[in-house]
N, C-alpha and C. Protein backbone atom coordinates (compact mmCIF):
# COMPACT_ATOMS: atom_id res chain seq x y z
N MET A 1 -30.88 -52.04 -58.40
CA MET A 1 -30.20 -50.84 -58.62
C MET A 1 -31.11 -49.59 -58.33
N LYS A 2 -32.41 -49.68 -58.83
CA LYS A 2 -33.30 -48.58 -58.59
C LYS A 2 -33.56 -48.45 -57.11
N ALA A 3 -33.65 -49.54 -56.41
CA ALA A 3 -33.87 -49.48 -54.96
C ALA A 3 -32.79 -48.76 -54.23
N MET A 4 -31.52 -48.98 -54.68
CA MET A 4 -30.36 -48.33 -54.05
C MET A 4 -30.43 -46.80 -54.35
N LYS A 5 -30.83 -46.40 -55.53
CA LYS A 5 -30.88 -44.98 -55.84
C LYS A 5 -31.97 -44.33 -55.03
N LYS A 6 -33.05 -45.00 -54.85
CA LYS A 6 -34.16 -44.41 -54.02
C LYS A 6 -33.70 -44.31 -52.58
N LEU A 7 -33.02 -45.30 -52.10
CA LEU A 7 -32.55 -45.29 -50.73
C LEU A 7 -31.53 -44.11 -50.50
N LEU A 8 -30.64 -43.98 -51.45
CA LEU A 8 -29.65 -42.87 -51.40
C LEU A 8 -30.34 -41.57 -51.47
N LEU A 9 -31.33 -41.40 -52.31
CA LEU A 9 -32.07 -40.16 -52.41
C LEU A 9 -32.82 -39.86 -51.06
N LEU A 10 -33.46 -40.83 -50.54
CA LEU A 10 -34.18 -40.73 -49.27
C LEU A 10 -33.21 -40.28 -48.18
N LEU A 11 -32.07 -40.91 -48.08
CA LEU A 11 -31.08 -40.55 -47.06
C LEU A 11 -30.59 -39.11 -47.27
N CYS A 12 -30.34 -38.71 -48.44
CA CYS A 12 -29.90 -37.32 -48.69
C CYS A 12 -30.94 -36.34 -48.27
N MET A 13 -32.21 -36.62 -48.65
CA MET A 13 -33.33 -35.77 -48.25
C MET A 13 -33.47 -35.65 -46.73
N LEU A 14 -33.35 -36.73 -46.04
CA LEU A 14 -33.41 -36.79 -44.60
C LEU A 14 -32.33 -35.98 -43.99
N PHE A 15 -31.09 -36.11 -44.52
CA PHE A 15 -30.02 -35.28 -44.06
C PHE A 15 -30.25 -33.81 -44.17
N PHE A 16 -30.67 -33.39 -45.33
CA PHE A 16 -30.90 -31.93 -45.54
C PHE A 16 -32.08 -31.40 -44.67
N VAL A 17 -33.12 -32.17 -44.53
CA VAL A 17 -34.22 -31.78 -43.73
C VAL A 17 -33.84 -31.62 -42.27
N THR A 18 -33.07 -32.62 -41.81
CA THR A 18 -32.56 -32.57 -40.42
C THR A 18 -31.62 -31.41 -40.21
N ALA A 19 -30.76 -31.21 -41.14
CA ALA A 19 -29.79 -30.03 -41.05
C ALA A 19 -30.60 -28.76 -41.05
N TYR A 20 -31.63 -28.58 -41.85
CA TYR A 20 -32.44 -27.38 -41.82
C TYR A 20 -33.10 -27.21 -40.47
N ALA A 21 -33.71 -28.25 -39.92
CA ALA A 21 -34.44 -28.23 -38.69
C ALA A 21 -33.50 -27.86 -37.52
N GLN A 22 -32.25 -28.30 -37.57
CA GLN A 22 -31.31 -28.00 -36.51
C GLN A 22 -30.78 -26.55 -36.53
N LYS A 23 -30.82 -25.99 -37.71
CA LYS A 23 -30.34 -24.60 -37.86
C LYS A 23 -31.29 -23.55 -37.17
N LYS A 24 -32.55 -23.85 -37.09
CA LYS A 24 -33.53 -22.99 -36.54
C LYS A 24 -33.68 -23.19 -35.08
N SER A 25 -33.02 -22.44 -34.23
CA SER A 25 -33.04 -22.58 -32.77
C SER A 25 -34.25 -21.90 -32.22
N ILE A 26 -35.18 -22.62 -31.60
CA ILE A 26 -36.38 -22.08 -31.00
C ILE A 26 -36.19 -21.88 -29.55
N ASN A 27 -36.57 -20.73 -29.05
CA ASN A 27 -36.47 -20.43 -27.58
C ASN A 27 -37.81 -20.63 -26.85
N LYS A 28 -38.95 -20.32 -27.63
CA LYS A 28 -40.22 -20.42 -26.97
C LYS A 28 -41.33 -20.50 -28.04
N VAL A 29 -42.35 -21.27 -27.75
CA VAL A 29 -43.51 -21.43 -28.57
C VAL A 29 -44.74 -21.18 -27.75
N SER A 30 -45.69 -20.40 -28.22
CA SER A 30 -46.91 -20.13 -27.65
C SER A 30 -48.05 -20.52 -28.57
N MET A 31 -49.04 -21.22 -28.03
CA MET A 31 -50.21 -21.58 -28.77
C MET A 31 -51.44 -21.00 -28.06
N HIS A 32 -52.26 -20.31 -28.81
CA HIS A 32 -53.48 -19.68 -28.21
C HIS A 32 -54.74 -20.21 -28.92
N ARG A 33 -55.62 -20.73 -28.10
CA ARG A 33 -56.94 -21.12 -28.59
C ARG A 33 -57.95 -20.02 -28.16
N THR A 34 -58.58 -19.45 -29.11
CA THR A 34 -59.33 -18.18 -28.89
C THR A 34 -60.82 -18.61 -28.76
N ALA A 35 -61.65 -17.64 -28.39
CA ALA A 35 -63.11 -17.86 -28.21
C ALA A 35 -63.88 -18.06 -29.44
N CYS A 36 -65.08 -18.61 -29.26
CA CYS A 36 -66.09 -18.65 -30.24
C CYS A 36 -67.31 -18.04 -29.77
N PHE A 37 -68.42 -18.11 -30.44
CA PHE A 37 -69.69 -17.44 -29.91
C PHE A 37 -70.38 -18.36 -28.91
N GLY A 38 -69.82 -19.53 -28.61
CA GLY A 38 -70.40 -20.48 -27.72
C GLY A 38 -69.48 -20.58 -26.42
N LYS A 39 -69.31 -21.86 -26.02
CA LYS A 39 -68.54 -22.11 -24.84
C LYS A 39 -67.24 -22.85 -25.18
N CYS A 40 -66.52 -22.40 -26.14
CA CYS A 40 -65.30 -23.02 -26.55
C CYS A 40 -64.19 -22.70 -25.51
N PRO A 41 -63.39 -23.72 -25.19
CA PRO A 41 -62.28 -23.45 -24.21
C PRO A 41 -61.31 -22.44 -24.78
N THR A 42 -60.93 -21.49 -24.00
CA THR A 42 -60.02 -20.40 -24.40
C THR A 42 -58.87 -20.47 -23.47
N TYR A 43 -57.67 -20.68 -24.07
CA TYR A 43 -56.49 -20.83 -23.22
C TYR A 43 -55.27 -20.66 -24.12
N SER A 44 -54.14 -20.55 -23.40
CA SER A 44 -52.82 -20.52 -24.15
C SER A 44 -51.87 -21.48 -23.39
N ILE A 45 -50.95 -21.99 -24.21
CA ILE A 45 -49.86 -22.86 -23.70
C ILE A 45 -48.58 -22.23 -24.18
N GLU A 46 -47.64 -21.97 -23.25
CA GLU A 46 -46.30 -21.46 -23.59
C GLU A 46 -45.25 -22.49 -23.21
N ILE A 47 -44.47 -22.86 -24.20
CA ILE A 47 -43.46 -23.93 -24.03
C ILE A 47 -42.13 -23.28 -24.18
N ASN A 48 -41.26 -23.33 -23.10
CA ASN A 48 -39.94 -22.79 -23.19
C ASN A 48 -38.94 -23.86 -23.38
N LYS A 49 -37.77 -23.46 -23.97
CA LYS A 49 -36.75 -24.48 -24.37
C LYS A 49 -36.15 -25.18 -23.10
N ASN A 50 -36.30 -24.58 -21.91
CA ASN A 50 -35.76 -25.21 -20.71
C ASN A 50 -36.64 -26.28 -20.15
N GLY A 51 -37.86 -26.46 -20.79
CA GLY A 51 -38.78 -27.48 -20.31
C GLY A 51 -39.99 -26.94 -19.47
N SER A 52 -39.96 -25.65 -19.13
CA SER A 52 -41.04 -25.09 -18.38
C SER A 52 -42.17 -24.75 -19.33
N VAL A 53 -43.39 -25.15 -18.92
CA VAL A 53 -44.55 -24.90 -19.69
C VAL A 53 -45.56 -24.17 -18.82
N THR A 54 -46.20 -23.15 -19.40
CA THR A 54 -47.21 -22.44 -18.64
C THR A 54 -48.54 -22.56 -19.36
N TYR A 55 -49.55 -22.85 -18.66
CA TYR A 55 -50.96 -22.98 -19.16
C TYR A 55 -51.74 -21.83 -18.57
N THR A 56 -52.34 -21.05 -19.39
CA THR A 56 -53.19 -19.93 -18.92
C THR A 56 -54.58 -20.06 -19.44
N SER A 57 -55.51 -20.31 -18.49
CA SER A 57 -56.91 -20.45 -18.86
C SER A 57 -57.56 -19.12 -18.94
N VAL A 58 -58.39 -18.87 -19.89
CA VAL A 58 -59.11 -17.63 -19.99
C VAL A 58 -60.56 -17.92 -19.63
N ARG A 59 -61.19 -18.92 -20.23
CA ARG A 59 -62.56 -19.33 -19.81
C ARG A 59 -62.95 -20.65 -20.46
N PHE A 60 -63.92 -21.18 -19.87
CA PHE A 60 -64.54 -22.49 -20.30
C PHE A 60 -63.50 -23.62 -20.40
N THR A 61 -62.66 -23.69 -19.38
CA THR A 61 -61.67 -24.81 -19.22
C THR A 61 -61.93 -25.50 -17.95
N LYS A 62 -61.46 -26.75 -17.80
CA LYS A 62 -61.63 -27.53 -16.60
C LYS A 62 -60.79 -26.96 -15.43
N PHE A 63 -59.56 -26.48 -15.82
CA PHE A 63 -58.69 -25.90 -14.85
C PHE A 63 -58.59 -24.42 -15.10
N GLU A 64 -59.11 -23.59 -14.19
CA GLU A 64 -59.13 -22.18 -14.35
C GLU A 64 -57.91 -21.55 -13.72
N GLY A 65 -57.27 -20.58 -14.28
CA GLY A 65 -56.21 -19.86 -13.79
C GLY A 65 -54.89 -20.08 -14.50
N ILE A 66 -53.76 -19.89 -13.86
CA ILE A 66 -52.44 -20.02 -14.53
C ILE A 66 -51.70 -21.14 -13.81
N TYR A 67 -51.21 -22.08 -14.61
CA TYR A 67 -50.50 -23.28 -14.07
C TYR A 67 -49.16 -23.39 -14.77
N THR A 68 -48.24 -24.01 -14.05
CA THR A 68 -46.91 -24.30 -14.67
C THR A 68 -46.52 -25.75 -14.34
N LYS A 69 -45.63 -26.27 -15.21
CA LYS A 69 -45.10 -27.56 -15.01
C LYS A 69 -43.77 -27.72 -15.73
N LYS A 70 -42.87 -28.44 -15.23
CA LYS A 70 -41.58 -28.70 -15.91
C LYS A 70 -41.66 -30.02 -16.65
N PHE A 71 -41.35 -30.04 -17.91
CA PHE A 71 -41.39 -31.25 -18.73
C PHE A 71 -39.97 -31.56 -19.12
N SER A 72 -39.74 -32.80 -19.57
CA SER A 72 -38.41 -33.18 -20.04
C SER A 72 -37.96 -32.38 -21.25
N ILE A 73 -36.67 -32.08 -21.37
CA ILE A 73 -36.14 -31.38 -22.48
C ILE A 73 -36.45 -32.13 -23.78
N ASP A 74 -36.44 -33.47 -23.71
CA ASP A 74 -36.70 -34.31 -24.87
C ASP A 74 -38.13 -34.03 -25.45
N LYS A 75 -39.05 -33.91 -24.52
CA LYS A 75 -40.46 -33.67 -24.94
C LYS A 75 -40.56 -32.35 -25.69
N VAL A 76 -39.94 -31.34 -25.14
CA VAL A 76 -39.94 -30.02 -25.70
C VAL A 76 -39.17 -30.04 -27.07
N LYS A 77 -38.02 -30.67 -27.06
CA LYS A 77 -37.32 -30.75 -28.33
C LYS A 77 -38.03 -31.40 -29.39
N ASN A 78 -38.86 -32.44 -29.09
CA ASN A 78 -39.72 -33.12 -30.03
C ASN A 78 -40.71 -32.13 -30.70
N ILE A 79 -41.36 -31.34 -29.89
CA ILE A 79 -42.32 -30.35 -30.42
C ILE A 79 -41.53 -29.31 -31.26
N PHE A 80 -40.38 -28.82 -30.79
CA PHE A 80 -39.66 -27.85 -31.58
C PHE A 80 -39.13 -28.46 -32.88
N LEU A 81 -38.75 -29.71 -32.88
CA LEU A 81 -38.34 -30.37 -34.10
C LEU A 81 -39.53 -30.48 -35.12
N GLN A 82 -40.66 -30.79 -34.59
CA GLN A 82 -41.89 -30.82 -35.43
C GLN A 82 -42.07 -29.48 -36.06
N ILE A 83 -41.95 -28.42 -35.30
CA ILE A 83 -42.14 -27.05 -35.87
C ILE A 83 -41.10 -26.75 -36.95
N ASN A 84 -39.87 -27.16 -36.70
CA ASN A 84 -38.87 -26.91 -37.72
C ASN A 84 -39.01 -27.78 -38.99
N LEU A 85 -39.37 -29.04 -38.79
CA LEU A 85 -39.59 -29.90 -39.91
C LEU A 85 -40.83 -29.48 -40.75
N LEU A 86 -41.82 -28.89 -40.09
CA LEU A 86 -42.96 -28.35 -40.80
C LEU A 86 -42.76 -27.03 -41.44
N LYS A 87 -41.55 -26.46 -41.07
CA LYS A 87 -41.16 -25.11 -41.62
C LYS A 87 -42.22 -24.02 -41.38
N LEU A 88 -42.64 -23.85 -40.07
CA LEU A 88 -43.60 -22.89 -39.75
C LEU A 88 -43.14 -21.43 -40.09
N ASP A 89 -41.83 -21.34 -40.13
CA ASP A 89 -41.28 -19.97 -40.50
C ASP A 89 -41.62 -19.57 -41.97
N THR A 90 -42.14 -20.50 -42.73
CA THR A 90 -42.49 -20.23 -44.13
C THR A 90 -43.95 -20.03 -44.30
N CYS A 91 -44.76 -20.20 -43.24
CA CYS A 91 -46.20 -20.04 -43.28
C CYS A 91 -46.55 -18.55 -43.42
N GLN A 92 -47.81 -18.30 -43.83
CA GLN A 92 -48.27 -16.93 -43.80
C GLN A 92 -48.41 -16.46 -42.39
N ASN A 93 -48.37 -15.12 -42.20
CA ASN A 93 -48.53 -14.54 -40.89
C ASN A 93 -49.95 -14.59 -40.44
N GLU A 94 -50.90 -14.51 -41.41
CA GLU A 94 -52.26 -14.58 -41.07
C GLU A 94 -53.07 -15.23 -42.19
N TYR A 95 -54.00 -16.09 -41.80
CA TYR A 95 -54.85 -16.69 -42.79
C TYR A 95 -56.23 -16.05 -42.72
N GLU A 96 -56.97 -16.00 -43.81
CA GLU A 96 -58.27 -15.35 -43.83
C GLU A 96 -59.27 -16.11 -42.99
N GLN A 97 -59.93 -15.44 -42.13
CA GLN A 97 -60.98 -16.01 -41.28
C GLN A 97 -62.22 -16.23 -42.12
N ILE A 98 -62.55 -17.40 -42.47
CA ILE A 98 -63.68 -17.76 -43.41
C ILE A 98 -64.96 -17.81 -42.61
N ILE A 99 -64.95 -18.36 -41.42
CA ILE A 99 -66.17 -18.51 -40.58
C ILE A 99 -65.86 -17.85 -39.25
N ALA A 100 -66.64 -16.82 -38.91
CA ALA A 100 -66.35 -16.06 -37.71
C ALA A 100 -66.67 -16.78 -36.37
N ASP A 101 -67.53 -17.76 -36.35
CA ASP A 101 -67.98 -18.35 -35.11
C ASP A 101 -67.00 -19.47 -34.62
N LEU A 102 -66.01 -19.91 -35.43
CA LEU A 102 -65.14 -20.94 -35.02
C LEU A 102 -64.08 -20.48 -34.06
N PRO A 103 -63.66 -21.30 -33.09
CA PRO A 103 -62.59 -20.85 -32.15
C PRO A 103 -61.34 -20.68 -32.94
N GLY A 104 -60.54 -19.74 -32.58
CA GLY A 104 -59.33 -19.40 -33.30
C GLY A 104 -58.10 -20.23 -32.80
N LEU A 105 -57.09 -20.24 -33.64
CA LEU A 105 -55.83 -20.94 -33.23
C LEU A 105 -54.70 -20.11 -33.72
N ASN A 106 -53.90 -19.62 -32.84
CA ASN A 106 -52.80 -18.75 -33.17
C ASN A 106 -51.47 -19.35 -32.56
N PHE A 107 -50.40 -19.10 -33.27
CA PHE A 107 -49.04 -19.56 -32.80
C PHE A 107 -48.12 -18.32 -32.78
N ASN A 108 -47.20 -18.25 -31.75
CA ASN A 108 -46.13 -17.36 -31.72
C ASN A 108 -44.89 -18.24 -31.52
N ILE A 109 -43.87 -18.04 -32.32
CA ILE A 109 -42.66 -18.78 -32.26
C ILE A 109 -41.46 -17.80 -32.13
N ASP A 110 -40.72 -17.93 -31.07
CA ASP A 110 -39.53 -17.07 -30.87
C ASP A 110 -38.29 -17.88 -31.23
N TYR A 111 -37.65 -17.54 -32.35
CA TYR A 111 -36.45 -18.13 -32.75
C TYR A 111 -35.32 -17.27 -32.16
N THR A 112 -34.18 -17.71 -32.18
CA THR A 112 -33.01 -16.94 -31.63
C THR A 112 -32.90 -15.60 -32.39
N ASN A 113 -33.10 -15.66 -33.70
CA ASN A 113 -32.96 -14.38 -34.50
C ASN A 113 -34.21 -13.84 -35.08
N ALA A 114 -35.32 -14.37 -34.71
CA ALA A 114 -36.60 -13.82 -35.35
C ALA A 114 -37.78 -14.29 -34.48
N LYS A 115 -38.86 -13.61 -34.74
CA LYS A 115 -40.18 -13.99 -34.10
C LYS A 115 -41.21 -14.04 -35.20
N ILE A 116 -42.03 -15.08 -35.14
CA ILE A 116 -43.13 -15.15 -36.17
C ILE A 116 -44.41 -15.39 -35.42
N GLN A 117 -45.48 -14.91 -36.01
CA GLN A 117 -46.78 -15.09 -35.52
C GLN A 117 -47.65 -15.64 -36.63
N ILE A 118 -48.50 -16.61 -36.34
CA ILE A 118 -49.39 -17.14 -37.27
C ILE A 118 -50.82 -17.03 -36.69
N VAL A 119 -51.63 -16.16 -37.33
CA VAL A 119 -53.00 -15.86 -36.87
C VAL A 119 -53.99 -16.60 -37.68
N ASN A 120 -55.07 -17.10 -37.06
CA ASN A 120 -56.07 -17.91 -37.76
C ASN A 120 -55.50 -19.19 -38.43
N ALA A 121 -54.51 -19.80 -37.69
CA ALA A 121 -53.89 -21.01 -38.24
C ALA A 121 -54.82 -22.12 -38.60
N HIS A 122 -56.02 -22.14 -37.92
CA HIS A 122 -56.99 -23.19 -38.24
C HIS A 122 -57.54 -23.11 -39.67
N PHE A 123 -57.36 -21.94 -40.29
CA PHE A 123 -57.67 -21.81 -41.76
C PHE A 123 -56.50 -21.96 -42.68
N GLY A 124 -55.39 -22.22 -42.11
CA GLY A 124 -54.18 -22.45 -42.91
C GLY A 124 -54.00 -23.95 -43.22
N PRO A 125 -52.78 -24.35 -43.56
CA PRO A 125 -52.52 -25.79 -43.88
C PRO A 125 -52.91 -26.67 -42.73
N LYS A 126 -53.38 -27.91 -43.04
CA LYS A 126 -53.88 -28.86 -42.07
C LYS A 126 -52.84 -29.23 -41.03
N PHE A 127 -51.56 -29.13 -41.37
CA PHE A 127 -50.51 -29.56 -40.44
C PHE A 127 -50.45 -28.61 -39.25
N LEU A 128 -50.94 -27.42 -39.34
CA LEU A 128 -51.05 -26.48 -38.21
C LEU A 128 -52.06 -27.01 -37.22
N LYS A 129 -53.19 -27.53 -37.62
CA LYS A 129 -54.15 -28.07 -36.71
C LYS A 129 -53.58 -29.35 -36.10
N ARG A 130 -52.88 -30.15 -36.87
CA ARG A 130 -52.25 -31.37 -36.24
C ARG A 130 -51.25 -31.05 -35.23
N LEU A 131 -50.40 -30.01 -35.50
CA LEU A 131 -49.44 -29.57 -34.52
C LEU A 131 -50.14 -29.12 -33.26
N ALA A 132 -51.22 -28.38 -33.36
CA ALA A 132 -51.93 -27.92 -32.15
C ALA A 132 -52.44 -29.14 -31.40
N MET A 133 -52.98 -30.13 -32.08
CA MET A 133 -53.47 -31.31 -31.38
C MET A 133 -52.33 -32.08 -30.69
N ASN A 134 -51.09 -32.04 -31.26
CA ASN A 134 -49.94 -32.69 -30.64
C ASN A 134 -49.60 -31.90 -29.41
N ILE A 135 -49.64 -30.62 -29.46
CA ILE A 135 -49.21 -29.77 -28.31
C ILE A 135 -50.23 -30.03 -27.17
N ASP A 136 -51.53 -30.00 -27.51
CA ASP A 136 -52.53 -30.28 -26.48
C ASP A 136 -52.34 -31.69 -25.88
N LYS A 137 -51.98 -32.69 -26.70
CA LYS A 137 -51.78 -34.04 -26.19
C LYS A 137 -50.58 -34.06 -25.29
N GLU A 138 -49.43 -33.66 -25.74
CA GLU A 138 -48.23 -33.68 -25.06
C GLU A 138 -48.18 -32.88 -23.77
N PHE A 139 -48.90 -31.81 -23.74
CA PHE A 139 -48.83 -30.89 -22.59
C PHE A 139 -50.21 -30.66 -22.04
N SER A 140 -51.00 -31.74 -21.95
CA SER A 140 -52.36 -31.61 -21.40
C SER A 140 -52.30 -31.40 -19.90
N ILE A 141 -53.13 -30.47 -19.42
CA ILE A 141 -53.15 -30.12 -18.04
C ILE A 141 -53.93 -31.10 -17.26
N ASP A 142 -53.44 -31.36 -16.00
CA ASP A 142 -54.03 -32.24 -15.09
C ASP A 142 -53.65 -31.79 -13.64
N SER A 143 -53.96 -32.61 -12.73
CA SER A 143 -53.73 -32.28 -11.27
C SER A 143 -52.27 -32.16 -10.92
N THR A 144 -51.35 -32.62 -11.78
CA THR A 144 -49.96 -32.58 -11.46
C THR A 144 -49.30 -31.23 -11.75
N TRP A 145 -50.01 -30.38 -12.39
CA TRP A 145 -49.50 -28.98 -12.64
C TRP A 145 -49.64 -28.12 -11.38
N LYS A 146 -48.76 -27.13 -11.24
CA LYS A 146 -48.81 -26.30 -10.09
C LYS A 146 -49.55 -24.97 -10.46
N LYS A 147 -50.60 -24.67 -9.69
CA LYS A 147 -51.30 -23.44 -9.86
C LYS A 147 -50.52 -22.26 -9.34
N ILE A 148 -50.25 -21.21 -10.08
CA ILE A 148 -49.50 -20.08 -9.63
C ILE A 148 -50.41 -18.86 -9.51
N LYS A 149 -51.61 -18.87 -10.05
CA LYS A 149 -52.47 -17.72 -9.96
C LYS A 149 -53.89 -18.16 -10.26
């Protein structure tokens, strides 16, 4: 009997979390990795809901310049769903920079009815760093990207 109650509770929670995630329509997500005092890669990745992704290198990256590539809508939806499930819209807009020499991590999320920015995300909750690693992994640049500038 206890197992059935737990299962029912889990299903209800899953339903509400999924309903919340689907209400937040994301149009675009940008992730920016900023400089440090050394040779940290500095770049941004912009992911659009239509599947187009733009990578802009600033310095200390293997691929210099601006590149673009079309990804599957499912891959983009997966990242957008992660953002909604993590409720990034409830994060602080800026986290205190504790150590000046570390490379920065910033997010911009364009929802249909709002825009949010998270500055110094690497000093925020750990899930922000995990999200950044997922974005880097899912949209890693290689020779299949088209250089546009």
